[in-house]
Amino acid sequence: MRVLITGASGLLGSALSDALLARGDEVVGLTRDPQRAQPRNPTVNWYPWRATAEPPPAEALEGVDGVVNLIGEQINQRLTDRAKVRIRESRLVGARNLIQGIEASATEPSVFVGQSAIGYYGDRGDQIVDEETPPGDGFAAEIPVDWETAQRQAEDVVDRVVIFRTGLVLTKEGGLLRQLLLPFKLGVGGPIAGGDQYMSWVHIDDVVGLLLWALDDKRVWGVINATAPNPATNREFSKALGRALRRPAVMPAPKFAIAALRGRELADVVAGGARILPRRALDLGYEFRHPELDEALRSALE
């Protein structure tokens, strides 16, 4: 396959690019800075693209069989009005420009794989959540709702659209796990904001596996939760990480500490959670490589 990836130099994009190249596929990467991206993965064909300014260059889309859209500014920051605008535009305007480029292309891809987030569901306590559960409230839920709506416009120009609501990705290279490693290694890690909220996690190997599966399998379509089948409470997650690192995990981080660091709105998001099941992935036959938390953490830390 020839696969175009937005965000190809990011955490998930790099891992997906490596997996595609390893099996003999061709990867086209869109980036604001091709020269900076080239040393990171010299076997990717890089093209310049500023997502919020214009459609991708036509030559980048030539002969593309599939498109994977991973671009979007991280939400894990102090949610000022300016940050909210950046977060929204990077997703919505970027998706619209990308789809306009696909529509104008001489050869349209057969599949569009988009990204969303489990923030879609908001705070659900211990309620079991699947893809049929309606969206939650607040900015962290509004962004995935609007992002999915923007990406569904690809249904007008490609045969198949898949959108993943991705959970908390386990990898020591970035994301939540990397942020937790230092305090836990120092023996000062522990539950956050009480620890009762559910964390719907997923190993990075399974994020990549799901993306490849969506590209390859014509039976896969629609919205799918990219989360492991065994979500854990924050307290359970903290204990498991402590076991993996052979460190105590008893020092709690109160909600007000998160608010002081990242603001009240993000603290509300962190203190909430959802018990999410990947029902559609399981029903369609995807087999998770890392379904259990203890094994997944050991693997992610290798």
C-alpha atoms as a PDB file:
ATOM      1  CA  MET A   1       0.000   0.000   0.000  1.00  0.00           C
ATOM      2  CA  ARG A   2       0.909   3.659  -0.354  1.00  0.00           C
ATOM      3  CA  VAL A   3      -0.322   5.357   2.833  1.00  0.00           C
ATOM      4  CA  LEU A   4      -0.415   9.079   3.558  1.00  0.00           C
ATOM      5  CA  ILE A   5      -0.088   9.981   7.262  1.00  0.00           C
ATOM      6  CA  THR A   6      -0.679  13.377   8.823  1.00  0.00           C
ATOM      7  CA  GLY A   7       1.292  13.714  12.043  1.00  0.00           C
ATOM      8  CA  ALA A   8       3.761  11.145  10.704  1.00  0.00           C
ATOM      9  CA  SER A   9       6.613  12.519  12.808  1.00  0.00           C
ATOM     10  CA  GLY A  10       4.620  12.346  16.052  1.00  0.00           C
ATOM     11  CA  LEU A  11       4.470   9.547  18.604  1.00  0.00           C
ATOM     12  CA  LEU A  12       1.751   7.463  16.959  1.00  0.00           C
ATOM     13  CA  GLY A  13       2.654   8.508  13.428  1.00  0.00           C
ATOM     14  CA  SER A  14       6.263   7.388  13.809  1.00  0.00           C
ATOM     15  CA  ALA A  15       5.242   4.019  15.231  1.00  0.00           C
ATOM     16  CA  LEU A  16       2.710   3.476  12.441  1.00  0.00           C
ATOM     17  CA  SER A  17       5.231   4.544   9.783  1.00  0.00           C
ATOM     18  CA  ASP A  18       7.788   2.055  11.106  1.00  0.00           C
ATOM     19  CA  ALA A  19       5.214  -0.756  11.046  1.00  0.00           C
ATOM     20  CA  LEU A  20       4.093   0.034   7.498  1.00  0.00           C
ATOM     21  CA  LEU A  21       7.648   0.279   6.195  1.00  0.00           C
ATOM     22  CA  ALA A  22       8.613  -2.966   7.953  1.00  0.00           C
ATOM     23  CA  ARG A  23       5.997  -4.868   5.985  1.00  0.00           C
ATOM     24  CA  GLY A  24       6.991  -3.280   2.670  1.00  0.00           C
ATOM     25  CA  ASP A  25       4.454  -0.469   2.309  1.00  0.00           C
ATOM     26  CA  GLU A  26       5.244   3.057   1.168  1.00  0.00           C
ATOM     27  CA  VAL A  27       4.654   5.988   3.529  1.00  0.00           C
ATOM     28  CA  VAL A  28       3.964   9.608   2.621  1.00  0.00           C
ATOM     29  CA  GLY A  29       4.327  11.990   5.553  1.00  0.00           C
ATOM     30  CA  LEU A  30       2.907  15.497   5.808  1.00  0.00           C
ATOM     31  CA  THR A  31       4.843  17.897   8.016  1.00  0.00           C
ATOM     32  CA  ARG A  32       5.430  21.616   8.534  1.00  0.00           C
ATOM     33  CA  ASP A  33       9.183  21.030   8.373  1.00  0.00           C
ATOM     34  CA  PRO A  34      10.312  18.258   5.960  1.00  0.00           C
ATOM     35  CA  GLN A  35      14.022  18.852   6.616  1.00  0.00           C
ATOM     36  CA  ARG A  36      13.552  18.377  10.350  1.00  0.00           C
ATOM     37  CA  ALA A  37      11.387  15.292   9.854  1.00  0.00           C
ATOM     38  CA  GLN A  38      13.657  13.615   7.307  1.00  0.00           C
ATOM     39  CA  PRO A  39      16.433  12.538   9.727  1.00  0.00           C
ATOM     40  CA  ARG A  40      13.833  11.011  12.048  1.00  0.00           C
ATOM     41  CA  ASN A  41      12.573   8.629   9.389  1.00  0.00           C
ATOM     42  CA  PRO A  42      14.556   8.948   6.139  1.00  0.00           C
ATOM     43  CA  THR A  43      12.529   6.262   4.343  1.00  0.00           C
ATOM     44  CA  VAL A  44       9.319   8.329   4.511  1.00  0.00           C
ATOM     45  CA  ASN A  45       8.464  10.547   1.537  1.00  0.00           C
ATOM     46  CA  TRP A  46       7.966  13.926   3.243  1.00  0.00           C
ATOM     47  CA  TYR A  47       5.886  16.797   1.888  1.00  0.00           C
ATOM     48  CA  PRO A  48       5.416  20.246   3.448  1.00  0.00           C
ATOM     49  CA  TRP A  49       1.951  20.987   4.840  1.00  0.00           C
ATOM     50  CA  ARG A  50       0.548  23.444   7.344  1.00  0.00           C
ATOM     51  CA  ALA A  51      -2.753  21.833   8.308  1.00  0.00           C
ATOM     52  CA  THR A  52      -4.678  24.969   9.226  1.00  0.00           C
ATOM     53  CA  ALA A  53      -3.646  26.948   6.152  1.00  0.00           C
ATOM     54  CA  GLU A  54      -4.234  24.905   3.005  1.00  0.00           C
ATOM     55  CA  PRO A  55      -4.958  21.462   1.495  1.00  0.00           C
ATOM     56  CA  PRO A  56      -1.983  19.100   1.092  1.00  0.00           C
ATOM     57  CA  PRO A  57       0.060  19.372  -2.119  1.00  0.00           C
ATOM     58  CA  ALA A  58      -1.492  17.368  -4.938  1.00  0.00           C
ATOM     59  CA  GLU A  59       1.686  15.317  -5.524  1.00  0.00           C
ATOM     60  CA  ALA A  60       1.526  13.974  -1.949  1.00  0.00           C
ATOM     61  CA  LEU A  61      -1.829  12.341  -2.700  1.00  0.00           C
ATOM     62  CA  GLU A  62      -0.856  10.769  -6.017  1.00  0.00           C
ATOM     63  CA  GLY A  63      -1.454   7.021  -5.993  1.00  0.00           C
ATOM     64  CA  VAL A  64      -2.365   6.936  -2.286  1.00  0.00           C
ATOM     65  CA  ASP A  65      -4.392   3.869  -1.226  1.00  0.00           C
ATOM     66  CA  GLY A  66      -5.122   4.955   2.339  1.00  0.00           C
ATOM     67  CA  VAL A  67      -5.019   8.091   4.497  1.00  0.00           C
ATOM     68  CA  VAL A  68      -4.423   8.134   8.259  1.00  0.00           C
ATOM     69  CA  ASN A  69      -5.163  11.430   9.999  1.00  0.00           C
ATOM     70  CA  LEU A  70      -3.293  11.743  13.315  1.00  0.00           C
ATOM     71  CA  ILE A  71      -2.708  15.480  13.481  1.00  0.00           C
ATOM     72  CA  GLY A  72      -3.963  17.539  16.421  1.00  0.00           C
ATOM     73  CA  GLU A  73      -2.447  19.641  19.198  1.00  0.00           C
ATOM     74  CA  GLN A  74      -2.357  17.861  22.575  1.00  0.00           C
ATOM     75  CA  ILE A  75      -5.133  18.667  25.038  1.00  0.00           C
ATOM     76  CA  ASN A  76      -2.918  17.974  28.071  1.00  0.00           C
ATOM     77  CA  GLN A  77      -2.118  21.628  28.749  1.00  0.00           C
ATOM     78  CA  ARG A  78      -3.559  24.616  30.579  1.00  0.00           C
ATOM     79  CA  LEU A  79      -6.808  25.220  28.712  1.00  0.00           C
ATOM     80  CA  THR A  80      -6.673  28.956  28.150  1.00  0.00           C
ATOM     81  CA  ASP A  81      -8.931  30.539  25.519  1.00  0.00           C
ATOM     82  CA  ARG A  82      -5.973  30.755  23.138  1.00  0.00           C
ATOM     83  CA  ALA A  83      -5.028  27.110  23.713  1.00  0.00           C
ATOM     84  CA  LYS A  84      -8.615  26.025  23.037  1.00  0.00           C
ATOM     85  CA  VAL A  85      -8.572  27.816  19.697  1.00  0.00           C
ATOM     86  CA  ARG A  86      -5.301  26.098  18.719  1.00  0.00           C
ATOM     87  CA  ILE A  87      -6.587  22.683  19.803  1.00  0.00           C
ATOM     88  CA  ARG A  88      -9.837  23.118  17.886  1.00  0.00           C
ATOM     89  CA  GLU A  89      -8.313  24.546  14.694  1.00  0.00           C
ATOM     90  CA  SER A  90      -5.549  21.943  14.499  1.00  0.00           C
ATOM     91  CA  ARG A  91      -8.228  19.250  14.360  1.00  0.00           C
ATOM     92  CA  LEU A  92     -11.196  20.768  12.552  1.00  0.00           C
ATOM     93  CA  VAL A  93      -9.498  23.020  10.013  1.00  0.00           C
ATOM     94  CA  GLY A  94      -6.785  20.422   9.449  1.00  0.00           C
ATOM     95  CA  ALA A  95      -9.392  17.714   8.741  1.00  0.00           C
ATOM     96  CA  ARG A  96     -11.353  19.940   6.364  1.00  0.00           C
ATOM     97  CA  ASN A  97      -8.220  20.922   4.421  1.00  0.00           C
ATOM     98  CA  LEU A  98      -7.081  17.310   4.227  1.00  0.00           C
ATOM     99  CA  ILE A  99     -10.441  16.150   2.862  1.00  0.00           C
ATOM    100  CA  GLN A 100     -10.486  18.995   0.334  1.00  0.00           C
ATOM    101  CA  GLY A 101      -7.109  17.777  -0.885  1.00  0.00           C
ATOM    102  CA  ILE A 102      -8.406  14.212  -1.199  1.00  0.00           C
ATOM    103  CA  GLU A 103     -11.455  15.435  -3.086  1.00  0.00           C
ATOM    104  CA  ALA A 104      -9.283  17.339  -5.560  1.00  0.00           C
ATOM    105  CA  SER A 105      -6.892  14.424  -6.071  1.00  0.00           C
ATOM    106  CA  ALA A 106      -6.851  12.624  -9.401  1.00  0.00           C
ATOM    107  CA  THR A 107      -6.804   9.240  -7.638  1.00  0.00           C
ATOM    108  CA  GLU A 108      -8.909   8.957  -4.496  1.00  0.00           C
ATOM    109  CA  PRO A 109      -7.840   6.584  -1.685  1.00  0.00           C
ATOM    110  CA  SER A 110     -10.121   3.712  -0.737  1.00  0.00           C
ATOM    111  CA  VAL A 111      -9.960   4.226   3.052  1.00  0.00           C
ATOM    112  CA  PHE A 112      -9.700   7.170   5.440  1.00  0.00           C
ATOM    113  CA  VAL A 113      -8.683   6.382   9.030  1.00  0.00           C
ATOM    114  CA  GLY A 114      -9.288   9.234  11.458  1.00  0.00           C
ATOM    115  CA  GLN A 115      -8.406   9.868  15.062  1.00  0.00           C
ATOM    116  CA  SER A 116     -10.624  10.904  17.957  1.00  0.00           C
ATOM    117  CA  ALA A 117     -10.357  10.468  21.735  1.00  0.00           C
ATOM    118  CA  ILE A 118     -12.190   8.831  24.623  1.00  0.00           C
ATOM    119  CA  GLY A 119     -12.714  12.303  26.054  1.00  0.00           C
ATOM    120  CA  TYR A 120     -15.824  12.068  23.829  1.00  0.00           C
ATOM    121  CA  TYR A 121     -17.618  10.233  26.652  1.00  0.00           C
ATOM    122  CA  GLY A 122     -16.821  12.662  29.465  1.00  0.00           C
ATOM    123  CA  ASP A 123     -16.941  11.553  33.097  1.00  0.00           C
ATOM    124  CA  ARG A 124     -19.035   8.355  33.384  1.00  0.00           C
ATOM    125  CA  GLY A 125     -18.072   7.040  36.812  1.00  0.00           C
ATOM    126  CA  ASP A 126     -18.190   3.235  36.837  1.00  0.00           C
ATOM    127  CA  GLN A 127     -20.806   2.996  34.063  1.00  0.00           C
ATOM    128  CA  ILE A 128     -19.771   0.580  31.307  1.00  0.00           C
ATOM    129  CA  VAL A 129     -19.339   2.557  28.087  1.00  0.00           C
ATOM    130  CA  ASP A 130     -19.182   1.437  24.451  1.00  0.00           C
ATOM    131  CA  GLU A 131     -19.460   3.065  21.035  1.00  0.00           C
ATOM    132  CA  GLU A 132     -23.226   3.487  21.386  1.00  0.00           C
ATOM    133  CA  THR A 133     -22.880   5.666  24.503  1.00  0.00           C
ATOM    134  CA  PRO A 134     -23.750   9.334  23.795  1.00  0.00           C
ATOM    135  CA  PRO A 135     -21.145  12.077  24.259  1.00  0.00           C
ATOM    136  CA  GLY A 136     -20.401  13.778  27.550  1.00  0.00           C
ATOM    137  CA  ASP A 137     -20.195  17.450  28.460  1.00  0.00           C
ATOM    138  CA  GLY A 138     -17.436  20.067  28.502  1.00  0.00           C
ATOM    139  CA  PHE A 139     -14.608  21.095  26.197  1.00  0.00           C
ATOM    140  CA  ALA A 140     -12.804  17.729  26.352  1.00  0.00           C
ATOM    141  CA  ALA A 141     -15.959  16.044  25.001  1.00  0.00           C
ATOM    142  CA  GLU A 142     -16.921  18.771  22.519  1.00  0.00           C
ATOM    143  CA  ILE A 143     -13.591  18.568  20.690  1.00  0.00           C
ATOM    144  CA  PRO A 144     -13.865  14.842  19.775  1.00  0.00           C
ATOM    145  CA  VAL A 145     -17.520  15.304  18.777  1.00  0.00           C
ATOM    146  CA  ASP A 146     -16.659  18.142  16.396  1.00  0.00           C
ATOM    147  CA  TRP A 147     -13.489  16.388  15.194  1.00  0.00           C
ATOM    148  CA  GLU A 148     -15.426  13.276  14.256  1.00  0.00           C
ATOM    149  CA  THR A 149     -18.034  15.350  12.441  1.00  0.00           C
ATOM    150  CA  ALA A 150     -15.313  17.072  10.406  1.00  0.00           C
ATOM    151  CA  GLN A 151     -13.625  13.789   9.495  1.00  0.00           C
ATOM    152  CA  ARG A 152     -16.894  12.092   8.534  1.00  0.00           C
ATOM    153  CA  GLN A 153     -17.018  14.443   5.559  1.00  0.00           C
ATOM    154  CA  ALA A 154     -14.517  12.004   4.031  1.00  0.00           C
ATOM    155  CA  GLU A 155     -17.472   9.639   3.511  1.00  0.00           C
ATOM    156  CA  ASP A 156     -18.347  11.755   0.461  1.00  0.00           C
ATOM    157  CA  VAL A 157     -15.015  11.060  -1.243  1.00  0.00           C
ATOM    158  CA  VAL A 158     -13.732   7.634  -0.080  1.00  0.00           C
ATOM    159  CA  ASP A 159     -15.332   4.194   0.090  1.00  0.00           C
ATOM    160  CA  ARG A 160     -14.643   3.550   3.777  1.00  0.00           C
ATOM    161  CA  VAL A 161     -14.122   5.765   6.831  1.00  0.00           C
ATOM    162  CA  VAL A 162     -12.895   4.493  10.212  1.00  0.00           C
ATOM    163  CA  ILE A 163     -12.527   6.740  13.274  1.00  0.00           C
ATOM    164  CA  PHE A 164     -10.792   5.550  16.442  1.00  0.00           C
ATOM    165  CA  ARG A 165     -11.607   6.979  19.867  1.00  0.00           C
ATOM    166  CA  THR A 166      -8.183   6.357  21.362  1.00  0.00           C
ATOM    167  CA  GLY A 167      -7.565   5.805  25.068  1.00  0.00           C
ATOM    168  CA  LEU A 168      -4.542   6.532  27.247  1.00  0.00           C
ATOM    169  CA  VAL A 169      -1.629   5.184  25.207  1.00  0.00           C
ATOM    170  CA  LEU A 170       0.990   3.195  27.117  1.00  0.00           C
ATOM    171  CA  THR A 171       4.532   3.838  25.887  1.00  0.00           C
ATOM    172  CA  LYS A 172       7.619   5.072  27.705  1.00  0.00           C
ATOM    173  CA  GLU A 173       8.346   7.298  24.703  1.00  0.00           C
ATOM    174  CA  GLY A 174       5.619   9.804  25.558  1.00  0.00           C
ATOM    175  CA  GLY A 175       2.130  10.516  26.850  1.00  0.00           C
ATOM    176  CA  LEU A 176       0.832   9.746  30.325  1.00  0.00           C
ATOM    177  CA  LEU A 177       3.222   6.909  31.132  1.00  0.00           C
ATOM    178  CA  ARG A 178       6.310   8.979  30.447  1.00  0.00           C
ATOM    179  CA  GLN A 179       4.983  11.739  32.722  1.00  0.00           C
ATOM    180  CA  LEU A 180       4.386   9.260  35.540  1.00  0.00           C
ATOM    181  CA  LEU A 181       7.731   7.472  35.350  1.00  0.00           C
ATOM    182  CA  LEU A 182       9.877   9.952  37.287  1.00  0.00           C
ATOM    183  CA  PRO A 183       7.627  10.351  40.364  1.00  0.00           C
ATOM    184  CA  PHE A 184       6.989   6.610  40.524  1.00  0.00           C
ATOM    185  CA  LYS A 185      10.694   5.781  40.160  1.00  0.00           C
ATOM    186  CA  LEU A 186      11.388   8.217  43.012  1.00  0.00           C
ATOM    187  CA  GLY A 187       8.809   6.448  45.166  1.00  0.00           C
ATOM    188  CA  VAL A 188       6.400   9.396  45.285  1.00  0.00           C
ATOM    189  CA  GLY A 189       3.825   8.139  42.780  1.00  0.00           C
ATOM    190  CA  GLY A 190       0.294   7.173  43.650  1.00  0.00           C
ATOM    191  CA  PRO A 191      -3.400   7.665  42.899  1.00  0.00           C
ATOM    192  CA  ILE A 192      -4.540  10.954  41.378  1.00  0.00           C
ATOM    193  CA  ALA A 193      -7.573  12.893  42.649  1.00  0.00           C
ATOM    194  CA  GLY A 194      -8.773  10.029  44.852  1.00  0.00           C
ATOM    195  CA  GLY A 195      -8.026   7.208  42.410  1.00  0.00           C
ATOM    196  CA  ASP A 196     -11.598   5.980  41.871  1.00  0.00           C
ATOM    197  CA  GLN A 197     -11.891   7.255  38.285  1.00  0.00           C
ATOM    198  CA  TYR A 198     -11.504   4.719  35.494  1.00  0.00           C
ATOM    199  CA  MET A 199      -8.561   4.862  33.099  1.00  0.00           C
ATOM    200  CA  SER A 200      -9.250   3.314  29.707  1.00  0.00           C
ATOM    201  CA  TRP A 201      -5.732   2.527  28.530  1.00  0.00           C
ATOM    202  CA  VAL A 202      -4.242   0.887  25.437  1.00  0.00           C
ATOM    203  CA  HIS A 203      -0.725  -0.298  24.598  1.00  0.00           C
ATOM    204  CA  ILE A 204       0.897   1.504  21.666  1.00  0.00           C
ATOM    205  CA  ASP A 205       1.352  -1.855  19.901  1.00  0.00           C
ATOM    206  CA  ASP A 206      -2.425  -2.200  19.821  1.00  0.00           C
ATOM    207  CA  VAL A 207      -2.959   1.361  18.605  1.00  0.00           C
ATOM    208  CA  VAL A 208      -0.672   0.553  15.671  1.00  0.00           C
ATOM    209  CA  GLY A 209      -2.295  -2.865  15.262  1.00  0.00           C
ATOM    210  CA  LEU A 210      -5.755  -1.311  15.100  1.00  0.00           C
ATOM    211  CA  LEU A 211      -4.659   1.277  12.545  1.00  0.00           C
ATOM    212  CA  LEU A 212      -3.119  -1.407  10.302  1.00  0.00           C
ATOM    213  CA  TRP A 213      -6.236  -3.544  10.731  1.00  0.00           C
ATOM    214  CA  ALA A 214      -8.433  -0.627   9.663  1.00  0.00           C
ATOM    215  CA  LEU A 215      -6.288  -0.013   6.585  1.00  0.00           C
ATOM    216  CA  ASP A 216      -6.308  -3.669   5.555  1.00  0.00           C
ATOM    217  CA  ASP A 217      -9.719  -5.111   6.451  1.00  0.00           C
ATOM    218  CA  LYS A 218     -12.650  -3.934   4.342  1.00  0.00           C
ATOM    219  CA  ARG A 219     -15.097  -5.104   7.016  1.00  0.00           C
ATOM    220  CA  VAL A 220     -13.872  -2.390   9.379  1.00  0.00           C
ATOM    221  CA  TRP A 221     -15.810   0.887   9.272  1.00  0.00           C
ATOM    222  CA  GLY A 222     -17.341   3.544  11.516  1.00  0.00           C
ATOM    223  CA  VAL A 223     -16.378   4.582  15.035  1.00  0.00           C
ATOM    224  CA  ILE A 224     -14.319   2.136  17.122  1.00  0.00           C
ATOM    225  CA  ASN A 225     -12.950   2.485  20.656  1.00  0.00           C
ATOM    226  CA  ALA A 226      -9.175   2.020  20.634  1.00  0.00           C
ATOM    227  CA  THR A 227      -8.932   0.886  24.255  1.00  0.00           C
ATOM    228  CA  ALA A 228      -7.865  -2.382  25.853  1.00  0.00           C
ATOM    229  CA  PRO A 229     -10.727  -4.662  26.973  1.00  0.00           C
ATOM    230  CA  ASN A 230      -9.794  -4.342  30.683  1.00  0.00           C
ATOM    231  CA  PRO A 231      -9.986  -0.715  31.904  1.00  0.00           C
ATOM    232  CA  ALA A 232      -8.700  -0.060  35.425  1.00  0.00           C
ATOM    233  CA  THR A 233      -9.323   2.533  38.095  1.00  0.00           C
ATOM    234  CA  ASN A 234      -6.577   5.059  38.657  1.00  0.00           C
ATOM    235  CA  ARG A 235      -5.797   3.379  41.973  1.00  0.00           C
ATOM    236  CA  GLU A 236      -5.463  -0.032  40.271  1.00  0.00           C
ATOM    237  CA  PHE A 237      -3.323   1.512  37.540  1.00  0.00           C
ATOM    238  CA  SER A 238      -1.039   3.152  40.119  1.00  0.00           C
ATOM    239  CA  LYS A 239      -0.555  -0.139  41.968  1.00  0.00           C
ATOM    240  CA  ALA A 240       0.197  -1.961  38.706  1.00  0.00           C
ATOM    241  CA  LEU A 241       2.757   0.663  37.685  1.00  0.00           C
ATOM    242  CA  GLY A 242       4.349   0.424  41.120  1.00  0.00           C
ATOM    243  CA  ARG A 243       4.629  -3.343  40.705  1.00  0.00           C
ATOM    244  CA  ALA A 244       6.151  -2.965  37.240  1.00  0.00           C
ATOM    245  CA  LEU A 245       8.763  -0.529  38.580  1.00  0.00           C
ATOM    246  CA  ARG A 246       9.138  -2.286  41.957  1.00  0.00           C
ATOM    247  CA  ARG A 247       8.388   0.963  43.741  1.00  0.00           C
ATOM    248  CA  PRO A 248       5.709   1.987  46.266  1.00  0.00           C
ATOM    249  CA  ALA A 249       2.621   3.670  44.872  1.00  0.00           C
ATOM    250  CA  VAL A 250       0.989   5.210  47.920  1.00  0.00           C
ATOM    251  CA  MET A 251       1.586   8.963  47.585  1.00  0.00           C
ATOM    252  CA  PRO A 252      -1.702  10.531  46.421  1.00  0.00           C
ATOM    253  CA  ALA A 253      -1.835  13.575  44.144  1.00  0.00           C
ATOM    254  CA  PRO A 254      -4.869  15.665  45.121  1.00  0.00           C
ATOM    255  CA  LYS A 255      -7.023  17.376  42.528  1.00  0.00           C
ATOM    256  CA  PHE A 256      -6.003  20.856  43.707  1.00  0.00           C
ATOM    257  CA  ALA A 257      -2.359  20.025  42.865  1.00  0.00           C
ATOM    258  CA  ILE A 258      -3.334  19.197  39.285  1.00  0.00           C
ATOM    259  CA  ALA A 259      -5.369  22.413  39.119  1.00  0.00           C
ATOM    260  CA  ALA A 260      -2.385  24.448  40.303  1.00  0.00           C
ATOM    261  CA  LEU A 261      -0.194  22.876  37.620  1.00  0.00           C
ATOM    262  CA  ARG A 262      -2.536  22.741  34.614  1.00  0.00           C
ATOM    263  CA  GLY A 263      -5.666  24.708  35.552  1.00  0.00           C
ATOM    264  CA  ARG A 264      -9.080  23.831  36.972  1.00  0.00           C
ATOM    265  CA  GLU A 265     -10.629  22.704  33.674  1.00  0.00           C
ATOM    266  CA  LEU A 266      -7.957  20.106  32.921  1.00  0.00           C
ATOM    267  CA  ALA A 267      -8.013  19.006  36.577  1.00  0.00           C
ATOM    268  CA  ASP A 268     -11.725  18.238  36.164  1.00  0.00           C
ATOM    269  CA  VAL A 269     -10.891  16.084  33.134  1.00  0.00           C
ATOM    270  CA  VAL A 270      -8.142  14.203  35.000  1.00  0.00           C
ATOM    271  CA  ALA A 271     -10.384  13.635  38.026  1.00  0.00           C
ATOM    272  CA  GLY A 272     -13.073  12.151  35.791  1.00  0.00           C
ATOM    273  CA  GLY A 273     -12.963   8.991  33.767  1.00  0.00           C
ATOM    274  CA  ALA A 274     -14.890   6.391  31.826  1.00  0.00           C
ATOM    275  CA  ARG A 275     -14.982   2.589  31.882  1.00  0.00           C
ATOM    276  CA  ILE A 276     -14.750   2.035  28.146  1.00  0.00           C
ATOM    277  CA  LEU A 277     -14.934  -1.266  26.283  1.00  0.00           C
ATOM    278  CA  PRO A 278     -13.723  -1.790  22.684  1.00  0.00           C
ATOM    279  CA  ARG A 279     -16.927  -3.629  21.807  1.00  0.00           C
ATOM    280  CA  ARG A 280     -16.858  -3.069  18.040  1.00  0.00           C
ATOM    281  CA  ALA A 281     -13.186  -4.031  17.714  1.00  0.00           C
ATOM    282  CA  LEU A 282     -13.865  -7.292  19.534  1.00  0.00           C
ATOM    283  CA  ASP A 283     -17.055  -7.990  17.580  1.00  0.00           C
ATOM    284  CA  LEU A 284     -15.199  -7.454  14.298  1.00  0.00           C
ATOM    285  CA  GLY A 285     -12.464  -9.866  15.336  1.00  0.00           C
ATOM    286  CA  TYR A 286      -9.489  -7.743  16.387  1.00  0.00           C
ATOM    287  CA  GLU A 287      -7.249  -9.669  18.814  1.00  0.00           C
ATOM    288  CA  PHE A 288      -5.499  -7.434  21.336  1.00  0.00           C
ATOM    289  CA  ARG A 289      -1.801  -8.117  21.822  1.00  0.00           C
ATOM    290  CA  HIS A 290      -1.801  -6.628  25.335  1.00  0.00           C
ATOM    291  CA  PRO A 291      -5.248  -7.044  26.946  1.00  0.00           C
ATOM    292  CA  GLU A 292      -4.042  -7.211  30.590  1.00  0.00           C
ATOM    293  CA  LEU A 293      -2.655  -4.174  32.417  1.00  0.00           C
ATOM    294  CA  ASP A 294       0.276  -5.756  34.285  1.00  0.00           C
ATOM    295  CA  GLU A 295       1.703  -7.381  31.169  1.00  0.00           C
ATOM    296  CA  ALA A 296       1.022  -4.253  29.081  1.00  0.00           C
ATOM    297  CA  LEU A 297       2.953  -2.049  31.524  1.00  0.00           C
ATOM    298  CA  ARG A 298       5.896  -4.445  31.635  1.00  0.00           C
ATOM    299  CA  SER A 299       5.975  -4.480  27.835  1.00  0.00           C
ATOM    300  CA  ALA A 300       5.668  -0.683  27.558  1.00  0.00           C
ATOM    301  CA  LEU A 301       8.578  -0.203  29.980  1.00  0.00           C
ATOM    302  CA  GLU A 302      10.990  -2.543  28.168  1.00  0.00           C
END
